[in-house]
Amino acid sequence: MRNISTDLITKNIKEMCIDANYLISSDVKKAILNSVSSESGEIGKNILVQLRKNMDIAETENIPVCQDTGMAVVFLKIGQDIHIEGCALEDAVNEGIRQGYKEGYLRKSVVKDPLIRQNTNDNTPGIIYYEIVPGDKIEITVAPKGFGSENMSRIYMLKPADGIEGVKDAIIETVKMAGPNACPPFVIGVGIGGTFEKCALLAKKALLRDVNSHNSISYISQLEDELLEKINNLGIGPGGLGGSTTALGINIEVYPTHIAGLPVAINMCCHVNRHKTRVI
């Protein structure tokens, strides 16, 4: 049994909140750099160049890459051979968020009540997901999610008879509705199967995958390629001003579901797709 202090968890989450907002992950950087040369529209190409410059400035000047520094979503994969000692784990996670958003001068965007709308002034609480896995380590992923893109996400409770064509239509319809509002070029996470809430979690997790990767299931991998091509042919383009780079990638995850249902969730994300992972 390995002991891990909640102070260590707090420290790492604090640092990850800052890093995720200052430093774009290498896979997204690579996708944006590649899209500059492949973008067919002159305006779109110029916007992509500006996005690249923005990333570089954020990294060198240690400032957020976007003014919306998001609501902190934290995924914890906790080894079953670990004993966590100290304060309550949820308190430790939120303390890390609190410190990170304060010390990193990150915008505080969380309100205590969804209707009364009073700001908590420290960006807590975060959205926390726990998973128990084999081993004696904790894998932490921090994914600050901005709401320009989150607001354009959708869940569809399709009928089984809608089939794969119905899934394609739902995804394309969501991208069209998002238009310029979700800050294209997009990274799109899709969850298919499970239940109402499970497919949404699958879609969120899909955003954590390397944007240049494919699902290991061959027909899902082919579906990712097909949909990316169709989405980039919509002409929305970078900044919504036209072009051939509407999305940098689309990641799809699937899960078993009920005989009577076909849940589909589409989690839209802007081009920065912020997330950092550490193992302690």
C-alpha atoms as a PDB file:
ATOM      1  CA  MET A   1       0.000   0.000   0.000  1.00  0.00           C
ATOM      2  CA  ARG A   2       1.481   3.341  -1.100  1.00  0.00           C
ATOM      3  CA  ASN A   3       0.638   6.537   0.775  1.00  0.00           C
ATOM      4  CA  ILE A   4       0.015   9.740  -1.193  1.00  0.00           C
ATOM      5  CA  SER A   5      -0.524  13.065   0.544  1.00  0.00           C
ATOM      6  CA  THR A   6      -3.365  15.314  -0.540  1.00  0.00           C
ATOM      7  CA  ASP A   7      -0.838  18.181  -0.388  1.00  0.00           C
ATOM      8  CA  LEU A   8       0.952  16.587  -3.362  1.00  0.00           C
ATOM      9  CA  ILE A   9      -2.329  16.296  -5.260  1.00  0.00           C
ATOM     10  CA  THR A  10      -3.137  19.950  -4.562  1.00  0.00           C
ATOM     11  CA  LYS A  11       0.317  21.069  -5.719  1.00  0.00           C
ATOM     12  CA  ASN A  12       0.103  19.180  -9.004  1.00  0.00           C
ATOM     13  CA  ILE A  13      -3.398  20.370  -9.819  1.00  0.00           C
ATOM     14  CA  LYS A  14      -2.381  23.975  -9.109  1.00  0.00           C
ATOM     15  CA  GLU A  15       0.502  23.696 -11.557  1.00  0.00           C
ATOM     16  CA  MET A  16      -1.590  21.869 -14.156  1.00  0.00           C
ATOM     17  CA  CYS A  17      -4.330  24.522 -14.132  1.00  0.00           C
ATOM     18  CA  ILE A  18      -1.684  27.111 -15.005  1.00  0.00           C
ATOM     19  CA  ASP A  19       0.155  24.967 -17.563  1.00  0.00           C
ATOM     20  CA  ALA A  20      -3.052  23.953 -19.342  1.00  0.00           C
ATOM     21  CA  ASN A  21      -4.025  27.602 -19.817  1.00  0.00           C
ATOM     22  CA  TYR A  22      -0.563  28.819 -20.863  1.00  0.00           C
ATOM     23  CA  LEU A  23       0.785  25.895 -22.907  1.00  0.00           C
ATOM     24  CA  ILE A  24      -1.073  24.244 -25.773  1.00  0.00           C
ATOM     25  CA  SER A  25      -0.511  20.483 -26.028  1.00  0.00           C
ATOM     26  CA  SER A  26       1.922  19.261 -28.693  1.00  0.00           C
ATOM     27  CA  ASP A  27      -0.732  17.359 -30.675  1.00  0.00           C
ATOM     28  CA  VAL A  28      -2.909  20.469 -31.102  1.00  0.00           C
ATOM     29  CA  LYS A  29       0.142  22.576 -31.975  1.00  0.00           C
ATOM     30  CA  LYS A  30       1.094  20.075 -34.661  1.00  0.00           C
ATOM     31  CA  ALA A  31      -2.449  20.038 -36.070  1.00  0.00           C
ATOM     32  CA  ILE A  32      -2.579  23.834 -36.301  1.00  0.00           C
ATOM     33  CA  LEU A  33       0.866  24.034 -37.922  1.00  0.00           C
ATOM     34  CA  ASN A  34      -0.129  21.402 -40.484  1.00  0.00           C
ATOM     35  CA  SER A  35      -3.414  23.164 -41.230  1.00  0.00           C
ATOM     36  CA  VAL A  36      -1.611  26.420 -42.148  1.00  0.00           C
ATOM     37  CA  SER A  37      -0.146  24.774 -45.238  1.00  0.00           C
ATOM     38  CA  SER A  38      -3.266  22.787 -46.126  1.00  0.00           C
ATOM     39  CA  GLU A  39      -5.823  25.600 -45.661  1.00  0.00           C
ATOM     40  CA  SER A  40      -7.244  26.616 -49.052  1.00  0.00           C
ATOM     41  CA  GLY A  41      -8.607  30.057 -48.163  1.00  0.00           C
ATOM     42  CA  GLU A  42      -6.380  33.104 -47.806  1.00  0.00           C
ATOM     43  CA  ILE A  43      -8.384  34.537 -44.895  1.00  0.00           C
ATOM     44  CA  GLY A  44      -8.437  31.152 -43.200  1.00  0.00           C
ATOM     45  CA  LYS A  45      -4.684  30.784 -43.634  1.00  0.00           C
ATOM     46  CA  ASN A  46      -4.087  34.223 -42.097  1.00  0.00           C
ATOM     47  CA  ILE A  47      -6.255  33.352 -39.090  1.00  0.00           C
ATOM     48  CA  LEU A  48      -4.369  30.103 -38.538  1.00  0.00           C
ATOM     49  CA  VAL A  49      -1.071  32.013 -38.631  1.00  0.00           C
ATOM     50  CA  GLN A  50      -2.475  34.395 -36.006  1.00  0.00           C
ATOM     51  CA  LEU A  51      -3.541  31.449 -33.838  1.00  0.00           C
ATOM     52  CA  ARG A  52      -0.016  30.070 -34.071  1.00  0.00           C
ATOM     53  CA  LYS A  53       1.449  33.436 -33.046  1.00  0.00           C
ATOM     54  CA  ASN A  54      -1.020  33.640 -30.164  1.00  0.00           C
ATOM     55  CA  MET A  55       0.131  30.243 -28.880  1.00  0.00           C
ATOM     56  CA  ASP A  56       3.770  31.315 -29.074  1.00  0.00           C
ATOM     57  CA  ILE A  57       3.107  34.587 -27.210  1.00  0.00           C
ATOM     58  CA  ALA A  58       1.184  32.796 -24.463  1.00  0.00           C
ATOM     59  CA  GLU A  59       4.053  30.342 -23.980  1.00  0.00           C
ATOM     60  CA  THR A  60       6.894  32.885 -24.000  1.00  0.00           C
ATOM     61  CA  GLU A  61       5.106  35.563 -21.959  1.00  0.00           C
ATOM     62  CA  ASN A  62       3.477  33.125 -19.493  1.00  0.00           C
ATOM     63  CA  ILE A  63      -0.056  34.369 -20.083  1.00  0.00           C
ATOM     64  CA  PRO A  64      -3.326  32.562 -20.864  1.00  0.00           C
ATOM     65  CA  VAL A  65      -3.787  31.564 -24.480  1.00  0.00           C
ATOM     66  CA  CYS A  66      -7.461  32.645 -24.203  1.00  0.00           C
ATOM     67  CA  GLN A  67      -9.355  35.054 -21.958  1.00  0.00           C
ATOM     68  CA  ASP A  68     -11.889  32.327 -21.132  1.00  0.00           C
ATOM     69  CA  THR A  69      -9.741  30.170 -18.866  1.00  0.00           C
ATOM     70  CA  GLY A  70     -12.611  27.750 -18.452  1.00  0.00           C
ATOM     71  CA  MET A  71     -14.273  25.698 -15.770  1.00  0.00           C
ATOM     72  CA  ALA A  72     -11.761  23.170 -14.457  1.00  0.00           C
ATOM     73  CA  VAL A  73     -12.663  19.569 -15.302  1.00  0.00           C
ATOM     74  CA  VAL A  74     -10.485  17.088 -13.411  1.00  0.00           C
ATOM     75  CA  PHE A  75     -10.207  13.353 -14.116  1.00  0.00           C
ATOM     76  CA  LEU A  76      -8.598  11.172 -11.440  1.00  0.00           C
ATOM     77  CA  LYS A  77      -7.568   7.578 -12.148  1.00  0.00           C
ATOM     78  CA  ILE A  78      -6.753   6.286  -8.677  1.00  0.00           C
ATOM     79  CA  GLY A  79      -4.785   3.097  -8.170  1.00  0.00           C
ATOM     80  CA  GLN A  80      -6.546   0.653  -5.869  1.00  0.00           C
ATOM     81  CA  ASP A  81      -3.282   0.052  -3.971  1.00  0.00           C
ATOM     82  CA  ILE A  82      -3.084   3.665  -2.771  1.00  0.00           C
ATOM     83  CA  HIS A  83      -3.920   5.182   0.573  1.00  0.00           C
ATOM     84  CA  ILE A  84      -4.667   8.898   0.295  1.00  0.00           C
ATOM     85  CA  GLU A  85      -3.802  10.723   3.500  1.00  0.00           C
ATOM     86  CA  GLY A  86      -4.569  14.278   4.547  1.00  0.00           C
ATOM     87  CA  CYS A  87      -7.756  16.236   3.916  1.00  0.00           C
ATOM     88  CA  ALA A  88     -10.751  15.066   1.889  1.00  0.00           C
ATOM     89  CA  LEU A  89      -9.748  14.341  -1.719  1.00  0.00           C
ATOM     90  CA  GLU A  90     -12.429  16.637  -3.167  1.00  0.00           C
ATOM     91  CA  ASP A  91     -11.205  19.480  -0.955  1.00  0.00           C
ATOM     92  CA  ALA A  92      -7.619  18.857  -2.112  1.00  0.00           C
ATOM     93  CA  VAL A  93      -8.639  19.026  -5.773  1.00  0.00           C
ATOM     94  CA  ASN A  94     -10.603  22.226  -5.323  1.00  0.00           C
ATOM     95  CA  GLU A  95      -7.756  23.776  -3.335  1.00  0.00           C
ATOM     96  CA  GLY A  96      -5.447  23.050  -6.268  1.00  0.00           C
ATOM     97  CA  ILE A  97      -7.892  24.749  -8.633  1.00  0.00           C
ATOM     98  CA  ARG A  98      -8.234  27.705  -6.253  1.00  0.00           C
ATOM     99  CA  GLN A  99      -4.472  28.193  -5.985  1.00  0.00           C
ATOM    100  CA  GLY A 100      -3.862  27.689  -9.691  1.00  0.00           C
ATOM    101  CA  TYR A 101      -6.430  30.233 -10.806  1.00  0.00           C
ATOM    102  CA  LYS A 102      -5.221  32.755  -8.238  1.00  0.00           C
ATOM    103  CA  GLU A 103      -1.467  32.374  -8.763  1.00  0.00           C
ATOM    104  CA  GLY A 104      -1.799  32.030 -12.536  1.00  0.00           C
ATOM    105  CA  TYR A 105      -3.961  35.163 -12.817  1.00  0.00           C
ATOM    106  CA  LEU A 106      -6.613  33.118 -14.590  1.00  0.00           C
ATOM    107  CA  ARG A 107     -10.155  34.421 -15.023  1.00  0.00           C
ATOM    108  CA  LYS A 108     -12.611  33.203 -12.396  1.00  0.00           C
ATOM    109  CA  SER A 109     -15.690  32.097 -14.307  1.00  0.00           C
ATOM    110  CA  VAL A 110     -17.658  29.882 -11.904  1.00  0.00           C
ATOM    111  CA  VAL A 111     -20.917  30.983 -10.286  1.00  0.00           C
ATOM    112  CA  LYS A 112     -22.132  29.371  -7.045  1.00  0.00           C
ATOM    113  CA  ASP A 113     -25.732  28.929  -8.190  1.00  0.00           C
ATOM    114  CA  PRO A 114     -26.749  28.499 -11.853  1.00  0.00           C
ATOM    115  CA  LEU A 115     -29.726  30.847 -11.468  1.00  0.00           C
ATOM    116  CA  ILE A 116     -28.622  33.405  -8.856  1.00  0.00           C
ATOM    117  CA  ARG A 117     -25.248  33.765 -10.660  1.00  0.00           C
ATOM    118  CA  GLN A 118     -23.005  34.923  -7.808  1.00  0.00           C
ATOM    119  CA  ASN A 119     -19.319  34.375  -8.690  1.00  0.00           C
ATOM    120  CA  THR A 120     -17.341  32.135  -6.305  1.00  0.00           C
ATOM    121  CA  ASN A 121     -14.266  34.329  -7.053  1.00  0.00           C
ATOM    122  CA  ASP A 122     -11.824  31.407  -7.139  1.00  0.00           C
ATOM    123  CA  ASN A 123     -13.131  29.240 -10.022  1.00  0.00           C
ATOM    124  CA  THR A 124     -14.223  26.461  -7.678  1.00  0.00           C
ATOM    125  CA  PRO A 125     -15.783  24.019  -7.467  1.00  0.00           C
ATOM    126  CA  GLY A 126     -14.356  22.033 -10.335  1.00  0.00           C
ATOM    127  CA  ILE A 127     -16.044  19.168 -12.143  1.00  0.00           C
ATOM    128  CA  ILE A 128     -14.377  16.039 -10.742  1.00  0.00           C
ATOM    129  CA  TYR A 129     -14.517  12.474 -12.066  1.00  0.00           C
ATOM    130  CA  TYR A 130     -13.093   9.531 -10.129  1.00  0.00           C
ATOM    131  CA  GLU A 131     -12.072   6.149 -11.521  1.00  0.00           C
ATOM    132  CA  ILE A 132     -10.539   3.265  -9.549  1.00  0.00           C
ATOM    133  CA  VAL A 133      -7.876   1.385 -11.536  1.00  0.00           C
ATOM    134  CA  PRO A 134      -5.215  -1.247 -10.773  1.00  0.00           C
ATOM    135  CA  GLY A 135      -1.846  -0.067  -9.440  1.00  0.00           C
ATOM    136  CA  ASP A 136      -0.321   2.328  -6.926  1.00  0.00           C
ATOM    137  CA  LYS A 137      -0.335   5.613  -8.833  1.00  0.00           C
ATOM    138  CA  ILE A 138      -2.762   8.451  -9.536  1.00  0.00           C
ATOM    139  CA  GLU A 139      -3.186   9.772 -13.060  1.00  0.00           C
ATOM    140  CA  ILE A 140      -4.501  13.336 -13.016  1.00  0.00           C
ATOM    141  CA  THR A 141      -5.885  15.123 -16.060  1.00  0.00           C
ATOM    142  CA  VAL A 142      -6.918  18.762 -15.848  1.00  0.00           C
ATOM    143  CA  ALA A 143      -9.012  20.062 -18.749  1.00  0.00           C
ATOM    144  CA  PRO A 144     -10.194  23.688 -18.409  1.00  0.00           C
ATOM    145  CA  LYS A 145     -13.329  23.940 -20.585  1.00  0.00           C
ATOM    146  CA  GLY A 146     -14.393  27.275 -22.029  1.00  0.00           C
ATOM    147  CA  PHE A 147     -18.091  27.799 -22.528  1.00  0.00           C
ATOM    148  CA  GLY A 148     -18.085  29.376 -25.985  1.00  0.00           C
ATOM    149  CA  SER A 149     -17.698  25.830 -27.273  1.00  0.00           C
ATOM    150  CA  GLU A 150     -19.369  24.025 -24.366  1.00  0.00           C
ATOM    151  CA  ASN A 151     -22.594  25.940 -25.034  1.00  0.00           C
ATOM    152  CA  MET A 152     -22.710  24.580 -28.588  1.00  0.00           C
ATOM    153  CA  SER A 153     -22.551  20.920 -27.507  1.00  0.00           C
ATOM    154  CA  ARG A 154     -25.530  18.604 -27.914  1.00  0.00           C
ATOM    155  CA  ILE A 155     -26.997  15.261 -26.800  1.00  0.00           C
ATOM    156  CA  TYR A 156     -29.274  13.271 -29.094  1.00  0.00           C
ATOM    157  CA  MET A 157     -31.341  10.312 -27.910  1.00  0.00           C
ATOM    158  CA  LEU A 158     -31.663   8.612 -31.286  1.00  0.00           C
ATOM    159  CA  LYS A 159     -33.697   5.528 -32.106  1.00  0.00           C
ATOM    160  CA  PRO A 160     -31.736   2.374 -32.963  1.00  0.00           C
ATOM    161  CA  ALA A 161     -33.343   2.493 -36.404  1.00  0.00           C
ATOM    162  CA  ASP A 162     -31.594   5.826 -37.047  1.00  0.00           C
ATOM    163  CA  GLY A 163     -28.370   3.842 -37.258  1.00  0.00           C
ATOM    164  CA  ILE A 164     -24.992   5.139 -38.306  1.00  0.00           C
ATOM    165  CA  GLU A 165     -26.505   7.622 -40.778  1.00  0.00           C
ATOM    166  CA  GLY A 166     -28.514   9.160 -37.958  1.00  0.00           C
ATOM    167  CA  VAL A 167     -25.322   9.501 -35.915  1.00  0.00           C
ATOM    168  CA  LYS A 168     -23.562  11.221 -38.833  1.00  0.00           C
ATOM    169  CA  ASP A 169     -26.490  13.607 -39.315  1.00  0.00           C
ATOM    170  CA  ALA A 170     -26.521  14.512 -35.597  1.00  0.00           C
ATOM    171  CA  ILE A 171     -22.807  15.327 -35.619  1.00  0.00           C
ATOM    172  CA  ILE A 172     -22.949  17.386 -38.816  1.00  0.00           C
ATOM    173  CA  GLU A 173     -26.053  19.238 -37.579  1.00  0.00           C
ATOM    174  CA  THR A 174     -24.287  20.123 -34.309  1.00  0.00           C
ATOM    175  CA  VAL A 175     -21.241  21.476 -36.146  1.00  0.00           C
ATOM    176  CA  LYS A 176     -23.444  23.571 -38.443  1.00  0.00           C
ATOM    177  CA  MET A 177     -25.324  25.008 -35.445  1.00  0.00           C
ATOM    178  CA  ALA A 178     -22.022  25.817 -33.737  1.00  0.00           C
ATOM    179  CA  GLY A 179     -20.781  27.782 -36.742  1.00  0.00           C
ATOM    180  CA  PRO A 180     -18.418  30.559 -35.637  1.00  0.00           C
ATOM    181  CA  ASN A 181     -19.678  30.533 -32.027  1.00  0.00           C
ATOM    182  CA  ALA A 182     -17.422  27.709 -30.815  1.00  0.00           C
ATOM    183  CA  CYS A 183     -14.186  29.333 -32.095  1.00  0.00           C
ATOM    184  CA  PRO A 184     -13.224  27.115 -35.036  1.00  0.00           C
ATOM    185  CA  PRO A 185     -11.185  25.263 -36.038  1.00  0.00           C
ATOM    186  CA  PHE A 186     -12.818  22.783 -33.673  1.00  0.00           C
ATOM    187  CA  VAL A 187     -11.730  19.673 -31.890  1.00  0.00           C
ATOM    188  CA  ILE A 188     -14.849  17.514 -31.613  1.00  0.00           C
ATOM    189  CA  GLY A 189     -15.421  14.808 -29.032  1.00  0.00           C
ATOM    190  CA  VAL A 190     -18.206  12.304 -29.688  1.00  0.00           C
ATOM    191  CA  GLY A 191     -19.649   9.682 -27.364  1.00  0.00           C
ATOM    192  CA  ILE A 192     -21.952   6.959 -28.696  1.00  0.00           C
ATOM    193  CA  GLY A 193     -23.789   4.477 -26.488  1.00  0.00           C
ATOM    194  CA  GLY A 194     -24.277   3.994 -22.784  1.00  0.00           C
ATOM    195  CA  THR A 195     -27.017   6.129 -21.250  1.00  0.00           C
ATOM    196  CA  PHE A 196     -27.959   9.820 -21.348  1.00  0.00           C
ATOM    197  CA  GLU A 197     -25.119  10.843 -19.038  1.00  0.00           C
ATOM    198  CA  LYS A 198     -22.598   8.179 -20.089  1.00  0.00           C
ATOM    199  CA  CYS A 199     -22.453   9.293 -23.724  1.00  0.00           C
ATOM    200  CA  ALA A 200     -21.757  12.882 -22.585  1.00  0.00           C
ATOM    201  CA  LEU A 201     -18.870  11.701 -20.415  1.00  0.00           C
ATOM    202  CA  LEU A 202     -17.524   9.641 -23.320  1.00  0.00           C
ATOM    203  CA  ALA A 203     -17.605  12.756 -25.504  1.00  0.00           C
ATOM    204  CA  LYS A 204     -15.724  14.770 -22.881  1.00  0.00           C
ATOM    205  CA  LYS A 205     -13.117  12.029 -22.519  1.00  0.00           C
ATOM    206  CA  ALA A 206     -12.763  11.828 -26.299  1.00  0.00           C
ATOM    207  CA  LEU A 207     -11.399  15.385 -26.265  1.00  0.00           C
ATOM    208  CA  LEU A 208      -8.482  14.179 -24.133  1.00  0.00           C
ATOM    209  CA  ARG A 209      -7.262  11.852 -26.864  1.00  0.00           C
ATOM    210  CA  ASP A 210      -4.447  12.939 -29.199  1.00  0.00           C
ATOM    211  CA  VAL A 211      -6.164  14.962 -31.932  1.00  0.00           C
ATOM    212  CA  ASN A 212      -4.083  13.148 -34.554  1.00  0.00           C
ATOM    213  CA  SER A 213      -5.012   9.661 -33.284  1.00  0.00           C
ATOM    214  CA  HIS A 214      -7.746   7.231 -34.309  1.00  0.00           C
ATOM    215  CA  ASN A 215     -10.081   4.932 -32.425  1.00  0.00           C
ATOM    216  CA  SER A 216      -8.729   1.364 -32.288  1.00  0.00           C
ATOM    217  CA  ILE A 217     -12.026   0.005 -33.682  1.00  0.00           C
ATOM    218  CA  SER A 218     -11.605   0.017 -37.465  1.00  0.00           C
ATOM    219  CA  TYR A 219     -15.104   1.113 -38.476  1.00  0.00           C
ATOM    220  CA  ILE A 220     -15.062   3.911 -35.887  1.00  0.00           C
ATOM    221  CA  SER A 221     -11.652   5.014 -37.182  1.00  0.00           C
ATOM    222  CA  GLN A 222     -13.097   5.143 -40.712  1.00  0.00           C
ATOM    223  CA  LEU A 223     -16.081   7.102 -39.395  1.00  0.00           C
ATOM    224  CA  GLU A 224     -13.720   9.664 -37.817  1.00  0.00           C
ATOM    225  CA  ASP A 225     -11.972  10.167 -41.167  1.00  0.00           C
ATOM    226  CA  GLU A 226     -15.237  10.391 -43.096  1.00  0.00           C
ATOM    227  CA  LEU A 227     -16.778  12.926 -40.721  1.00  0.00           C
ATOM    228  CA  LEU A 228     -13.635  15.071 -40.557  1.00  0.00           C
ATOM    229  CA  GLU A 229     -13.663  15.347 -44.338  1.00  0.00           C
ATOM    230  CA  LYS A 230     -17.383  16.209 -44.420  1.00  0.00           C
ATOM    231  CA  ILE A 231     -16.996  18.787 -41.641  1.00  0.00           C
ATOM    232  CA  ASN A 232     -14.065  20.464 -43.382  1.00  0.00           C
ATOM    233  CA  ASN A 233     -16.137  20.650 -46.557  1.00  0.00           C
ATOM    234  CA  LEU A 234     -18.831  22.698 -44.782  1.00  0.00           C
ATOM    235  CA  GLY A 235     -16.848  25.875 -45.460  1.00  0.00           C
ATOM    236  CA  ILE A 236     -17.151  27.315 -41.922  1.00  0.00           C
ATOM    237  CA  GLY A 237     -13.379  27.625 -41.697  1.00  0.00           C
ATOM    238  CA  PRO A 238     -11.064  29.266 -39.151  1.00  0.00           C
ATOM    239  CA  GLY A 239     -12.859  31.908 -37.128  1.00  0.00           C
ATOM    240  CA  GLY A 240     -16.045  31.056 -39.016  1.00  0.00           C
ATOM    241  CA  LEU A 241     -14.861  33.252 -41.911  1.00  0.00           C
ATOM    242  CA  GLY A 242     -14.677  30.506 -44.509  1.00  0.00           C
ATOM    243  CA  GLY A 243     -12.077  27.961 -45.493  1.00  0.00           C
ATOM    244  CA  SER A 244     -11.244  24.276 -45.502  1.00  0.00           C
ATOM    245  CA  THR A 245     -10.134  23.922 -41.854  1.00  0.00           C
ATOM    246  CA  THR A 246     -13.349  23.817 -39.858  1.00  0.00           C
ATOM    247  CA  ALA A 247     -12.052  21.072 -37.548  1.00  0.00           C
ATOM    248  CA  LEU A 248      -8.593  19.898 -36.542  1.00  0.00           C
ATOM    249  CA  GLY A 249      -9.900  16.508 -35.520  1.00  0.00           C
ATOM    250  CA  ILE A 250     -12.869  14.441 -34.415  1.00  0.00           C
ATOM    251  CA  ASN A 251     -12.451  11.748 -31.757  1.00  0.00           C
ATOM    252  CA  ILE A 252     -15.201   9.174 -31.228  1.00  0.00           C
ATOM    253  CA  GLU A 253     -15.625   6.830 -28.259  1.00  0.00           C
ATOM    254  CA  VAL A 254     -18.274   4.087 -27.985  1.00  0.00           C
ATOM    255  CA  TYR A 255     -19.830   2.042 -25.182  1.00  0.00           C
ATOM    256  CA  PRO A 256     -22.468  -0.739 -24.977  1.00  0.00           C
ATOM    257  CA  THR A 257     -26.045   0.487 -24.740  1.00  0.00           C
ATOM    258  CA  HIS A 258     -29.649  -0.687 -24.306  1.00  0.00           C
ATOM    259  CA  ILE A 259     -31.529  -2.449 -27.122  1.00  0.00           C
ATOM    260  CA  ALA A 260     -34.028   0.433 -27.239  1.00  0.00           C
ATOM    261  CA  GLY A 261     -31.584   3.335 -27.444  1.00  0.00           C
ATOM    262  CA  LEU A 262     -28.819   5.053 -29.390  1.00  0.00           C
ATOM    263  CA  PRO A 263     -27.499   7.956 -27.279  1.00  0.00           C
ATOM    264  CA  VAL A 264     -25.090  10.328 -29.024  1.00  0.00           C
ATOM    265  CA  ALA A 265     -23.267  13.257 -27.430  1.00  0.00           C
ATOM    266  CA  ILE A 266     -21.192  15.836 -29.296  1.00  0.00           C
ATOM    267  CA  ASN A 267     -18.861  17.915 -27.131  1.00  0.00           C
ATOM    268  CA  MET A 268     -17.614  20.858 -29.154  1.00  0.00           C
ATOM    269  CA  CYS A 269     -14.229  22.331 -28.269  1.00  0.00           C
ATOM    270  CA  CYS A 270     -12.362  25.333 -29.611  1.00  0.00           C
ATOM    271  CA  HIS A 271      -8.971  24.996 -31.279  1.00  0.00           C
ATOM    272  CA  VAL A 272      -6.950  25.216 -28.026  1.00  0.00           C
ATOM    273  CA  ASN A 273      -8.516  22.047 -26.519  1.00  0.00           C
ATOM    274  CA  ARG A 274      -6.679  22.571 -23.228  1.00  0.00           C
ATOM    275  CA  HIS A 275      -5.652  19.556 -21.150  1.00  0.00           C
ATOM    276  CA  LYS A 276      -2.647  18.360 -19.150  1.00  0.00           C
ATOM    277  CA  THR A 277      -1.957  14.938 -17.647  1.00  0.00           C
ATOM    278  CA  ARG A 278       0.457  13.892 -14.897  1.00  0.00           C
ATOM    279  CA  VAL A 279       1.052  10.660 -13.010  1.00  0.00           C
ATOM    280  CA  ILE A 280       2.078  10.747  -9.354  1.00  0.00           C
END
